[in-house]
Protein backbone atom coordinates (compact mmCIF):
# COMPACT_ATOMS: atom_id res chain seq x y z
CA MET A 1 106.67 85.13 73.09
CA PHE A 2 110.54 83.76 73.53
CA ASN A 3 109.35 80.45 70.36
CA SER A 4 105.88 81.44 70.15
CA ILE A 5 106.40 82.50 66.63
CA SER A 6 108.61 80.19 64.87
CA ASN A 7 106.39 77.35 67.64
CA ILE A 8 103.65 78.15 65.32
CA VAL A 9 105.92 78.00 61.51
CA ILE A 10 107.44 74.96 62.43
CA ALA A 11 103.24 73.80 63.76
CA LEU A 12 101.94 75.04 59.77
CA ILE A 13 104.90 73.40 58.47
CA ALA A 14 103.82 70.03 60.43
CA LEU A 15 100.56 70.31 58.82
CA LEU A 16 102.17 70.79 55.41
CA HIS A 17 102.97 67.43 55.88
CA ILE A 18 99.60 65.45 57.14
CA TYR A 19 98.47 67.38 53.94
CA ILE A 20 100.96 65.33 51.95
CA LEU A 21 100.17 61.93 53.60
CA VAL A 22 97.14 62.26 53.70
CA LEU A 23 97.78 63.27 49.73
CA GLU A 24 100.09 60.52 48.86
CA MET A 25 98.86 57.64 51.55
CA PHE A 26 95.22 58.03 50.22
CA LEU A 27 94.53 60.45 47.69
CA TRP A 28 97.28 59.49 45.19
CA ASP A 29 94.94 57.76 42.75
CA LYS A 30 92.14 59.80 42.36
CA PRO A 31 91.85 62.90 41.01
CA ALA A 32 93.66 65.03 43.52
CA GLY A 33 96.11 63.27 44.26
CA ARG A 34 97.36 62.99 41.09
CA ARG A 35 96.66 66.98 39.99
CA ALA A 36 98.59 67.69 42.83
CA PHE A 37 101.89 65.32 41.53
CA GLY A 38 100.90 65.23 37.34
CA HIS A 39 100.11 61.45 36.99
CA THR A 40 98.37 60.00 34.92
CA ALA A 41 96.49 57.76 35.81
CA GLU A 42 98.58 54.14 34.86
CA MET A 43 101.21 56.22 36.32
CA ALA A 44 99.54 56.48 39.98
CA ALA A 45 98.58 52.84 39.40
CA ALA A 46 101.46 52.01 39.48
CA SER A 47 103.18 53.72 41.95
CA LYS A 48 100.49 54.04 44.49
CA ILE A 49 102.28 51.63 46.75
CA LEU A 50 106.16 53.47 46.75
CA ALA A 51 103.95 56.96 47.26
CA ALA A 52 101.68 55.19 50.23
CA ASN A 53 105.37 54.62 51.91
CA GLN A 54 107.10 58.21 51.02
CA GLY A 55 103.17 59.57 53.15
CA LEU A 56 103.87 57.27 55.75
CA TYR A 57 107.30 58.74 56.01
CA ASN A 58 106.14 62.37 55.43
CA GLY A 59 104.07 61.23 58.24
CA PHE A 60 106.58 60.88 60.94
CA LEU A 61 108.36 63.96 60.06
CA ALA A 62 104.94 65.80 60.77
CA ALA A 63 104.55 64.05 64.36
CA GLY A 64 108.32 64.36 65.62
CA LEU A 65 107.79 68.53 64.76
CA LEU A 66 104.38 68.47 66.59
CA TRP A 67 106.51 66.24 69.43
CA GLY A 68 109.70 69.35 69.72
CA VAL A 69 106.64 72.37 68.94
CA TYR A 70 104.93 69.76 72.04
CA LEU A 71 107.66 70.44 74.29
CA GLY A 72 108.21 73.73 73.46
CA ALA A 73 111.59 75.30 74.53
CA ALA A 74 113.43 71.65 76.64
CA GLY A 75 112.09 70.90 72.05
CA PHE A 76 114.52 72.61 70.55
CA ASP A 77 117.58 69.85 69.10
CA ILE A 78 114.44 67.85 67.88
CA LYS A 79 112.36 70.72 65.97
CA VAL A 80 116.42 71.37 64.76
CA PHE A 81 116.89 67.69 63.34
CA PHE A 82 112.53 67.22 61.85
CA LEU A 83 113.61 70.91 60.10
CA THR A 84 116.74 70.03 59.07
CA CYS A 85 115.16 66.09 57.71
CA ILE A 86 113.14 68.17 55.91
CA LEU A 87 115.10 70.25 54.23
CA VAL A 88 117.22 67.82 52.64
CA ALA A 89 114.55 65.87 51.69
CA GLY A 90 112.85 69.01 50.13
CA VAL A 91 116.74 70.26 48.54
CA TYR A 92 116.92 66.79 47.67
CA GLY A 93 113.83 65.83 46.00
CA GLY A 94 114.04 69.03 44.76
CA PHE A 95 116.88 67.93 42.58
CA THR A 96 116.38 65.24 41.33
CA ALA A 97 112.55 65.00 41.45
CA LYS A 98 110.67 69.42 40.83
CA ARG A 99 112.55 72.08 41.09
CA LYS A 100 108.82 73.73 42.64
CA ILE A 101 109.97 70.89 46.14
CA LEU A 102 112.30 72.87 46.73
CA LEU A 103 109.26 75.68 47.42
CA ILE A 104 106.80 73.42 49.02
CA GLN A 105 109.54 71.80 51.15
CA ALA A 106 113.21 73.11 51.24
CA ALA A 107 111.95 76.60 51.43
CA PRO A 108 109.72 76.56 54.53
CA ALA A 109 111.96 74.18 56.42
CA CYS A 110 114.34 77.32 56.10
CA ILE A 111 112.48 79.59 57.59
CA GLY A 112 111.20 77.14 60.76
CA LEU A 113 114.86 76.83 61.48
CA ALA A 114 116.17 80.22 60.80
CA LEU A 115 113.48 81.69 63.11
CA LEU A 116 113.99 79.12 65.62
CA PHE A 117 117.71 79.53 66.11
CA LEU A 118 116.38 83.70 65.80
CA LYS A 119 114.29 82.62 68.57
CA VAL A 120 111.56 84.41 67.53
C-alpha cells in the first residue's frame, strides 16, 4: 500500500499533462484547443508554434512523472523534482496568464507532493 495512492495521483497528473500536450501541440488552432484556452482563430494561428513548444515541455513533465512512478519508492526524488517543476510553472502561469492555471496545474501538483511526503 506504501505510495500507492500518491502514485495513482501522480499518474493522473501525468495524464493531465499528456492531455495538455495534445491540446497545445495538435489542437491549439482547432475548435477544441481554442475553446480550452479561449483564443480566437487569429490568435491561435499566430501563436501555434509557441504553443507546440509549450506542449512539448508538458510532455517532458509527464514523462518525468511516469518515470518516477515506474521506479516506485526509488523514484521519490524524481517525482518530487517534476511535481515541483509543475507547481512552480502553475503558480507562475496563474499569476502571469490565467488564475485558472493555479487550479488546473499548481493545485494537483501540490496535492501530489503532499501525498508523496505523507507516504500515502
